[in-house]
């Protein structure tokens, strides 16, 4: 793979990610048209919709697709995709039944004015379960052109639908969640069409145990990363007032953009490393990705500290300015080690170096315990988050450079002619 090809694909994915992010972020402009309590509820609902492990699922299907295509196992991949689609539908039905059982308690816990918002979250969960499958297939086959367009369609559908719901129909948090579901629908329509050549093809039995041996640690590792990325917002909603949660959500919306800025580099890197690992080829793509990520994350954090206060004044009402602006440096600082960790986690998991997974899972389990102990203020929450993001980077760096896996044993020498 040439460096030019890598950076061209990364540049397009960055354009697509920024475009998607701009449209998704533009939804927060409607905060001026709804009460602060409804905006606080919206931030919580958006986090709930992201709790479905979309990133781990996409990486699973990207890894399986890239590996299957590298081995020429297209028919086994087709069967696996069809079985997985039905399995995810069954999982969603179980989640919907659980939501029905605890609806009243959840509405009270998250202070929702409209119970229908929870059911819109359930609809977005269905999209969040299926979309990673089709996006992962496109990523695994390195069809980055249509992968980018599918992402853009998600953002366009979300923003356009929110504009109709809030400006035209005077909806609040529940109405905006309808728009979120619409965005997923557009992504699925395009993704299913573009991957039809694989999932509609002839199927063949696949090794379920071998697939699970890859899928389970991959899900756990990426799920732990995603939990560290999103979890604290739910705790803030439970521990602080509605207005404070809204101000925190505003700072978080801007700061988390740093992750979405650097994520395209890791997305392009992942299937290439899977492909090279399957074929035992050497590649320098991880070094290129890490260098680009470090540059973008550092520049983005500095830029956010400088420009962020102006953006807060532009997007939000004056009530948000003081608190959200004070939180931005802490939030942006936590995103830098989290961004670098994203590259190292992707590299380790793409190479099936799963020794790091128990450490990531343990860190994710310790995170809510630490947040429970240290949440005296919003800044304290962010300091706890920054500490855990730093530890995450140290763990990933250790397994990448200090304790890499031992080299595979050399194949046995061939027997001399005539030997028994």
Protein backbone atom coordinates (compact mmCIF):
# COMPACT_ATOMS: atom_id res chain seq x y z
CA UNK A 1 0.00 0.00 0.00
CA UNK A 2 1.38 3.40 -0.99
CA UNK A 3 1.35 6.30 1.44
CA UNK A 4 -0.48 8.34 -1.19
CA UNK A 5 -3.34 5.83 -1.35
CA UNK A 6 -3.60 5.70 2.43
CA UNK A 7 -3.74 9.46 2.80
CA UNK A 8 -6.21 9.88 -0.09
CA UNK A 9 -8.58 7.37 1.48
CA UNK A 10 -8.06 8.91 4.90
CA UNK A 11 -8.70 12.39 3.50
CA UNK A 12 -12.01 11.31 1.96
CA UNK A 13 -13.06 9.54 5.13
CA UNK A 14 -12.13 12.65 7.08
CA UNK A 15 -14.27 14.78 4.76
CA UNK A 16 -17.15 12.33 5.16
CA UNK A 17 -16.74 12.17 8.93
CA UNK A 18 -16.56 15.95 9.25
CA UNK A 19 -19.62 16.34 7.02
CA UNK A 20 -21.53 13.76 9.06
CA UNK A 21 -20.35 15.39 12.27
CA UNK A 22 -21.33 18.88 11.11
CA UNK A 23 -24.86 17.76 10.30
CA UNK A 24 -25.16 15.82 13.55
CA UNK A 25 -23.68 18.66 15.55
CA UNK A 26 -26.02 21.16 13.81
CA UNK A 27 -28.88 19.38 15.57
CA UNK A 28 -27.65 21.10 18.74
CA UNK A 29 -28.49 24.49 17.22
CA UNK A 30 -32.09 23.58 18.01
CA UNK A 31 -31.20 23.82 21.71
CA UNK A 32 -32.28 27.46 21.43
CA UNK A 33 -35.76 26.32 20.39
CA UNK A 34 -36.36 23.87 23.23
CA UNK A 35 -36.19 24.28 27.04
CA UNK A 36 -32.87 23.51 28.79
CA UNK A 37 -34.49 20.55 30.56
CA UNK A 38 -35.48 19.08 27.18
CA UNK A 39 -31.97 19.64 25.84
CA UNK A 40 -30.51 17.87 28.87
CA UNK A 41 -32.91 14.99 28.19
CA UNK A 42 -31.87 14.99 24.52
CA UNK A 43 -28.17 14.67 25.40
CA UNK A 44 -29.00 11.72 27.65
CA UNK A 45 -31.12 10.08 24.94
CA UNK A 46 -28.34 10.52 22.39
CA UNK A 47 -25.90 8.87 24.77
CA UNK A 48 -28.39 6.05 25.35
CA UNK A 49 -28.67 5.51 21.62
CA UNK A 50 -24.87 5.29 21.43
CA UNK A 51 -24.70 2.65 24.17
CA UNK A 52 -25.39 -0.01 21.57
CA UNK A 53 -21.84 -1.15 20.79
CA UNK A 54 -21.91 0.24 17.24
CA UNK A 55 -18.17 0.75 17.00
CA UNK A 56 -17.32 -2.78 18.24
CA UNK A 57 -19.91 -4.28 15.91
CA UNK A 58 -18.56 -2.38 12.92
CA UNK A 59 -15.02 -3.47 13.72
CA UNK A 60 -16.16 -7.09 14.06
CA UNK A 61 -17.75 -7.09 10.61
CA UNK A 62 -14.86 -5.12 9.13
CA UNK A 63 -12.39 -7.65 10.54
CA UNK A 64 -14.42 -10.66 9.38
CA UNK A 65 -14.93 -9.17 5.92
CA UNK A 66 -11.29 -8.19 5.42
CA UNK A 67 -10.05 -11.58 6.66
CA UNK A 68 -12.58 -13.58 4.61
CA UNK A 69 -11.79 -11.68 1.41
CA UNK A 70 -8.04 -12.06 2.02
CA UNK A 71 -8.55 -15.85 2.36
CA UNK A 72 -11.01 -16.12 -0.55
CA UNK A 73 -13.87 -17.23 1.74
CA UNK A 74 -16.64 -15.14 0.20
CA UNK A 75 -19.39 -17.77 0.52
CA UNK A 76 -18.68 -18.31 4.22
CA UNK A 77 -18.84 -14.56 4.72
CA UNK A 78 -22.24 -14.35 3.03
CA UNK A 79 -23.69 -17.03 5.32
CA UNK A 80 -22.19 -15.37 8.39
CA UNK A 81 -23.72 -11.99 7.47
CA UNK A 82 -27.22 -13.43 7.01
CA UNK A 83 -27.06 -15.32 10.30
CA UNK A 84 -25.73 -12.24 12.09
CA UNK A 85 -28.49 -10.01 10.73
CA UNK A 86 -31.18 -12.31 12.10
CA UNK A 87 -29.34 -12.65 15.40
CA UNK A 88 -29.13 -8.88 15.85
CA UNK A 89 -32.86 -8.59 15.15
CA UNK A 90 -33.54 -11.13 17.89
CA UNK A 91 -31.29 -9.25 20.30
CA UNK A 92 -33.19 -6.04 19.57
CA UNK A 93 -36.51 -7.77 20.34
CA UNK A 94 -35.15 -8.80 23.75
CA UNK A 95 -34.02 -5.24 24.47
CA UNK A 96 -37.42 -3.88 23.46
CA UNK A 97 -39.13 -6.28 25.86
CA UNK A 98 -36.83 -5.13 28.66
CA UNK A 99 -37.61 -1.49 27.90
CA UNK A 100 -41.31 -2.26 28.19
CA UNK A 101 -40.82 -3.81 31.63
CA UNK A 102 -38.86 -0.85 33.06
CA UNK A 103 -40.42 2.03 31.13
CA UNK A 104 -41.86 3.91 34.12
CA UNK A 105 -38.70 3.62 36.19
CA UNK A 106 -36.50 4.80 33.32
CA UNK A 107 -38.74 7.77 32.54
CA UNK A 108 -38.57 8.86 36.17
CA UNK A 109 -34.83 8.23 36.50
CA UNK A 110 -33.90 10.33 33.48
CA UNK A 111 -36.61 12.93 34.08
CA UNK A 112 -38.20 12.55 30.64
CA UNK A 113 -41.30 14.61 29.91
CA UNK A 114 -42.41 12.37 27.04
CA UNK A 115 -42.25 8.57 27.51
CA UNK A 116 -42.33 8.15 23.72
CA UNK A 117 -38.70 9.31 23.71
CA UNK A 118 -37.66 5.94 25.16
CA UNK A 119 -39.35 4.09 22.31
CA UNK A 120 -37.61 6.27 19.79
CA UNK A 121 -34.37 5.27 21.48
CA UNK A 122 -35.39 1.65 20.90
CA UNK A 123 -35.93 2.37 17.21
CA UNK A 124 -32.51 3.97 16.97
CA UNK A 125 -31.06 0.90 18.70
CA UNK A 126 -32.31 -1.24 15.83
CA UNK A 127 -30.54 1.06 13.39
CA UNK A 128 -27.46 1.11 15.61
CA UNK A 129 -27.37 -2.71 15.57
CA UNK A 130 -27.81 -3.15 11.82
CA UNK A 131 -25.91 -0.14 10.47
CA UNK A 132 -22.51 -1.31 11.81
CA UNK A 133 -22.95 -4.57 9.93
CA UNK A 134 -23.30 -2.95 6.51
CA UNK A 135 -20.78 -0.23 7.32
CA UNK A 136 -18.33 -2.85 8.57
CA UNK A 137 -18.66 -4.84 5.35
CA UNK A 138 -17.91 -1.72 3.30
CA UNK A 139 -14.97 -0.92 5.56
CA UNK A 140 -13.65 -4.49 5.39
CA UNK A 141 -13.79 -4.56 1.58
CA UNK A 142 -12.12 -1.10 1.65
CA UNK A 143 -15.01 0.52 -0.23
CA UNK A 144 -14.31 3.83 1.46
CA UNK A 145 -16.13 5.92 -1.18
CA UNK A 146 -19.57 4.52 -0.37
CA UNK A 147 -18.74 4.10 3.29
CA UNK A 148 -18.22 7.84 3.44
CA UNK A 149 -21.48 8.58 1.64
CA UNK A 150 -23.41 6.26 3.95
CA UNK A 151 -22.05 8.19 6.93
CA UNK A 152 -22.99 11.52 5.34
CA UNK A 153 -26.54 10.29 4.71
CA UNK A 154 -26.85 9.53 8.42
CA UNK A 155 -25.97 13.11 9.34
CA UNK A 156 -28.18 14.66 6.65
CA UNK A 157 -31.17 12.57 7.71
CA UNK A 158 -30.68 13.45 11.37
CA UNK A 159 -30.33 17.19 10.80
CA UNK A 160 -33.09 17.45 8.18
CA UNK A 161 -35.49 15.43 10.27
CA UNK A 162 -34.72 17.48 13.38
CA UNK A 163 -35.39 20.70 11.47
CA UNK A 164 -38.81 19.42 10.46
CA UNK A 165 -39.63 18.12 13.94
CA UNK A 166 -38.56 21.22 15.88
CA UNK A 167 -39.24 24.09 13.48
CA UNK A 168 -42.21 22.63 11.66
CA UNK A 169 -43.91 20.44 14.27
CA UNK A 170 -42.63 22.15 17.47
CA UNK A 171 -41.25 18.90 18.82
CA UNK A 172 -38.72 18.54 21.61
CA UNK A 173 -36.35 15.72 22.61
CA UNK A 174 -38.65 12.91 21.43
CA UNK A 175 -39.11 14.57 18.03
CA UNK A 176 -35.37 14.92 17.50
CA UNK A 177 -34.94 11.23 18.30
CA UNK A 178 -37.34 10.50 15.40
CA UNK A 179 -34.84 12.32 13.20
CA UNK A 180 -32.01 10.17 14.59
CA UNK A 181 -33.91 7.06 13.53
CA UNK A 182 -34.42 8.57 10.07
CA UNK A 183 -30.67 9.06 9.68
CA UNK A 184 -30.04 5.41 10.47
CA UNK A 185 -32.69 4.43 7.93
CA UNK A 186 -30.93 6.31 5.13
CA UNK A 187 -27.59 4.76 6.06
CA UNK A 188 -29.06 1.27 6.03
CA UNK A 189 -30.74 1.78 2.67
CA UNK A 190 -27.49 2.84 0.99
CA UNK A 191 -25.31 0.33 2.85
CA UNK A 192 -27.51 -2.68 2.10
CA UNK A 193 -27.60 -1.76 -1.59
CA UNK A 194 -23.82 -1.33 -1.84
CA UNK A 195 -23.03 -4.62 -0.08
CA UNK A 196 -25.67 -6.73 -1.85
CA UNK A 197 -23.01 -8.48 -3.93
CA UNK A 198 -21.70 -10.14 -0.76
CA UNK A 199 -24.70 -10.89 1.44
CA UNK A 200 -26.91 -12.01 -1.49
CA UNK A 201 -24.25 -14.36 -2.84
CA UNK A 202 -24.20 -18.14 -2.37
CA UNK A 203 -23.48 -19.19 1.21
CA UNK A 204 -21.34 -21.90 2.70
CA UNK A 205 -20.93 -23.24 6.25
CA UNK A 206 -18.46 -21.31 8.37
CA UNK A 207 -16.50 -22.22 11.49
CA UNK A 208 -18.60 -20.73 14.28
CA UNK A 209 -15.97 -21.38 16.97
CA UNK A 210 -13.25 -19.68 14.96
CA UNK A 211 -15.48 -16.67 14.36
CA UNK A 212 -16.41 -16.40 18.04
CA UNK A 213 -12.74 -16.69 19.03
CA UNK A 214 -12.20 -13.48 17.08
CA UNK A 215 -15.51 -11.74 17.75
CA UNK A 216 -15.73 -12.05 21.55
CA UNK A 217 -12.39 -10.43 22.45
CA UNK A 218 -12.86 -7.85 19.71
CA UNK A 219 -16.26 -6.87 21.10
CA UNK A 220 -14.93 -6.73 24.66
CA UNK A 221 -11.90 -4.64 23.73
CA UNK A 222 -13.67 -2.10 21.57
CA UNK A 223 -16.69 -2.09 23.90
CA UNK A 224 -14.42 -1.15 26.80
CA UNK A 225 -13.00 1.70 24.74
CA UNK A 226 -16.46 2.94 23.78
CA UNK A 227 -17.60 2.80 27.40
CA UNK A 228 -14.69 5.01 28.46
CA UNK A 229 -15.65 7.36 25.63
CA UNK A 230 -19.32 7.80 26.53
CA UNK A 231 -20.22 6.60 30.02
CA UNK A 232 -19.63 9.66 32.18
CA UNK A 233 -22.44 11.63 30.52
CA UNK A 234 -25.05 9.27 31.97
CA UNK A 235 -23.61 9.66 35.45
CA UNK A 236 -23.59 13.45 35.13
CA UNK A 237 -27.28 13.35 34.23
CA UNK A 238 -28.02 11.30 37.36
CA UNK A 239 -25.85 13.30 39.80
CA UNK A 240 -26.27 16.92 38.70
CA UNK A 241 -29.17 19.25 37.97
CA UNK A 242 -30.85 19.38 34.58
CA UNK A 243 -29.19 22.69 33.70
CA UNK A 244 -25.71 21.51 34.72
CA UNK A 245 -26.17 18.33 32.70
CA UNK A 246 -27.13 20.45 29.70
CA UNK A 247 -24.05 22.67 30.08
CA UNK A 248 -21.84 19.60 30.44
CA UNK A 249 -23.44 18.07 27.36
CA UNK A 250 -22.67 21.21 25.36
CA UNK A 251 -18.96 21.05 26.26
CA UNK A 252 -18.91 17.33 25.56
CA UNK A 253 -20.52 17.71 22.15
CA UNK A 254 -17.74 20.04 21.05
CA UNK A 255 -14.88 18.09 22.66
CA UNK A 256 -15.91 14.67 21.43
CA UNK A 257 -15.55 16.07 17.93
CA UNK A 258 -11.81 15.50 18.36
CA UNK A 259 -12.40 11.75 18.37
CA UNK A 260 -14.58 11.96 15.28
CA UNK A 261 -11.86 14.05 13.62
CA UNK A 262 -9.18 11.38 14.02
CA UNK A 263 -11.39 8.29 13.74
CA UNK A 264 -11.19 8.16 9.90
CA UNK A 265 -7.46 7.46 10.09
CA UNK A 266 -8.06 4.43 12.32
CA UNK A 267 -10.99 3.32 10.14
CA UNK A 268 -8.80 3.22 7.03
CA UNK A 269 -5.94 1.58 8.94
CA UNK A 270 -7.95 -1.28 10.46
CA UNK A 271 -8.83 -3.44 7.40
CA UNK A 272 -5.38 -2.88 5.92
CA UNK A 273 -3.72 -4.27 9.04
CA UNK A 274 -6.16 -7.21 9.13
CA UNK A 275 -5.34 -7.94 5.50
CA UNK A 276 -1.57 -7.72 6.07
CA UNK A 277 -1.79 -9.81 9.26
CA UNK A 278 -3.73 -12.59 7.51
CA UNK A 279 -1.13 -12.68 4.73
CA UNK A 280 1.84 -12.19 7.11
CA UNK A 281 2.88 -9.00 5.32
CA UNK A 282 4.74 -6.10 6.91
CA UNK A 283 3.19 -2.63 6.85
CA UNK A 284 3.98 0.79 8.29
CA UNK A 285 0.35 1.94 8.27
CA UNK A 286 0.09 2.00 12.08
CA UNK A 287 3.04 4.40 12.39
CA UNK A 288 1.53 6.70 9.74
CA UNK A 289 -1.85 6.60 11.48
CA UNK A 290 -0.43 7.32 14.93
CA UNK A 291 1.62 10.26 13.68
CA UNK A 292 -1.35 11.77 11.87
CA UNK A 293 -3.61 11.23 14.85
CA UNK A 294 -1.17 12.87 17.27
CA UNK A 295 -0.87 15.92 15.03
CA UNK A 296 -4.63 16.28 14.52
CA UNK A 297 -5.54 15.64 18.16
CA UNK A 298 -3.03 18.15 19.52
CA UNK A 299 -3.99 20.82 16.98
CA UNK A 300 -7.69 20.15 17.57
CA UNK A 301 -7.38 20.42 21.35
CA UNK A 302 -5.52 23.75 21.12
CA UNK A 303 -7.98 25.05 18.55
CA UNK A 304 -10.94 24.02 20.69
CA UNK A 305 -9.56 25.89 23.70
CA UNK A 306 -9.09 29.01 21.56
CA UNK A 307 -12.20 28.91 19.39
CA UNK A 308 -14.54 26.87 21.59
CA UNK A 309 -15.83 29.79 23.71
CA UNK A 310 -16.87 31.63 20.55
CA UNK A 311 -18.62 28.50 19.22
CA UNK A 312 -20.51 28.08 22.51
CA UNK A 313 -21.79 31.65 22.21
CA UNK A 314 -22.81 31.03 18.61
CA UNK A 315 -24.67 27.75 19.13
CA UNK A 316 -26.11 27.98 22.64
CA UNK A 317 -28.01 30.50 24.71
CA UNK A 318 -26.08 32.84 27.09
CA UNK A 319 -26.90 30.58 30.05
CA UNK A 320 -24.53 27.94 28.65
CA UNK A 321 -21.50 30.14 28.06
CA UNK A 322 -19.80 30.38 31.47
CA UNK A 323 -20.01 26.72 32.53
CA UNK A 324 -19.45 25.12 29.12
CA UNK A 325 -16.47 27.38 28.39
CA UNK A 326 -14.82 26.53 31.72
CA UNK A 327 -15.17 22.80 30.99
CA UNK A 328 -13.71 22.86 27.47
CA UNK A 329 -9.97 22.72 28.35
CA UNK A 330 -10.48 19.75 30.68
CA UNK A 331 -12.65 17.92 28.18
CA UNK A 332 -10.32 18.58 25.26
CA UNK A 333 -7.31 17.46 27.31
CA UNK A 334 -8.98 14.12 28.08
CA UNK A 335 -9.68 13.54 24.38
CA UNK A 336 -6.00 13.65 23.36
CA UNK A 337 -4.85 10.39 25.06
CA UNK A 338 -8.20 8.85 24.14
CA UNK A 339 -7.53 9.66 20.47
CA UNK A 340 -4.07 8.10 20.54
CA UNK A 341 -5.44 5.05 22.32
CA UNK A 342 -7.93 4.57 19.50
CA UNK A 343 -5.10 3.92 17.05
CA UNK A 344 -3.27 1.51 19.35
CA UNK A 345 -6.45 -0.41 20.25
CA UNK A 346 -7.32 -0.78 16.55
CA UNK A 347 -3.82 -1.98 15.74
CA UNK A 348 -3.71 -4.56 18.54
CA UNK A 349 -7.15 -5.97 17.80
CA UNK A 350 -6.63 -6.02 14.04
CA UNK A 351 -3.58 -8.22 14.63
CA UNK A 352 -5.60 -10.45 17.02
CA UNK A 353 -3.31 -9.50 19.90
CA UNK A 354 -6.00 -10.06 22.50
CA UNK A 355 -3.80 -10.12 25.61
CA UNK A 356 -4.70 -6.46 26.09
CA UNK A 357 -8.45 -7.16 26.28
CA UNK A 358 -8.65 -8.19 29.99
CA UNK A 359 -6.80 -5.00 30.91
CA UNK A 360 -9.20 -2.88 28.88
CA UNK A 361 -12.20 -4.64 30.41
CA UNK A 362 -10.81 -4.18 33.94
CA UNK A 363 -10.24 -0.48 33.30
CA UNK A 364 -13.82 -0.10 32.06
CA UNK A 365 -15.16 -1.84 35.18
CA UNK A 366 -13.11 0.42 37.46
CA UNK A 367 -14.27 3.57 35.67
CA UNK A 368 -17.82 3.85 37.12
CA UNK A 369 -16.45 3.03 40.58
CA UNK A 370 -14.01 5.92 40.33
CA UNK A 371 -16.70 8.26 39.00
CA UNK A 372 -18.93 7.33 41.94
CA UNK A 373 -16.14 8.33 44.32
CA UNK A 374 -15.01 11.49 42.50
CA UNK A 375 -17.90 13.59 41.22
CA UNK A 376 -17.96 16.57 43.57
CA UNK A 377 -18.03 18.93 40.57
CA UNK A 378 -18.18 18.74 36.80
CA UNK A 379 -14.45 19.48 36.64
CA UNK A 380 -13.75 16.58 39.01
CA UNK A 381 -15.67 14.26 36.69
CA UNK A 382 -13.52 15.39 33.76
CA UNK A 383 -10.31 15.02 35.77
CA UNK A 384 -11.31 11.44 36.55
CA UNK A 385 -12.05 10.84 32.89
CA UNK A 386 -8.67 12.31 31.85
CA UNK A 387 -6.85 10.07 34.32
CA UNK A 388 -8.52 6.93 32.96
CA UNK A 389 -7.88 7.96 29.34
CA UNK A 390 -4.20 8.38 30.19
CA UNK A 391 -4.04 4.97 31.85
CA UNK A 392 -5.74 3.51 28.77
CA UNK A 393 -3.03 4.94 26.54
CA UNK A 394 -0.27 3.60 28.80
CA UNK A 395 -1.78 0.10 28.74
CA UNK A 396 -2.08 0.09 24.95
CA UNK A 397 1.44 1.47 24.52
CA UNK A 398 2.80 -1.24 26.84
CA UNK A 399 1.29 -4.07 24.80
CA UNK A 400 2.28 -2.40 21.52
CA UNK A 401 5.96 -1.71 22.18
CA UNK A 402 7.10 -3.04 25.57
CA UNK A 403 5.36 -6.43 25.61
CA UNK A 404 4.56 -7.29 21.99
CA UNK A 405 3.57 -10.91 21.33
CA UNK A 406 6.38 -13.40 20.76
CA UNK A 407 7.15 -14.07 17.10
CA UNK A 408 5.46 -17.05 15.56
CA UNK A 409 7.67 -20.16 15.39
CA UNK A 410 9.32 -20.74 12.06
CA UNK A 411 7.80 -23.53 9.97
CA UNK A 412 9.71 -26.83 10.14
CA UNK A 413 12.37 -27.37 7.52
CA UNK A 414 11.36 -29.71 4.68
CA UNK A 415 12.57 -33.29 4.93
CA UNK A 416 15.40 -34.28 2.59
CA UNK A 417 14.46 -36.32 -0.43
CA UNK A 418 13.96 -39.95 0.38
CA UNK A 419 13.44 -39.38 4.15
CA UNK A 420 10.62 -41.27 5.84
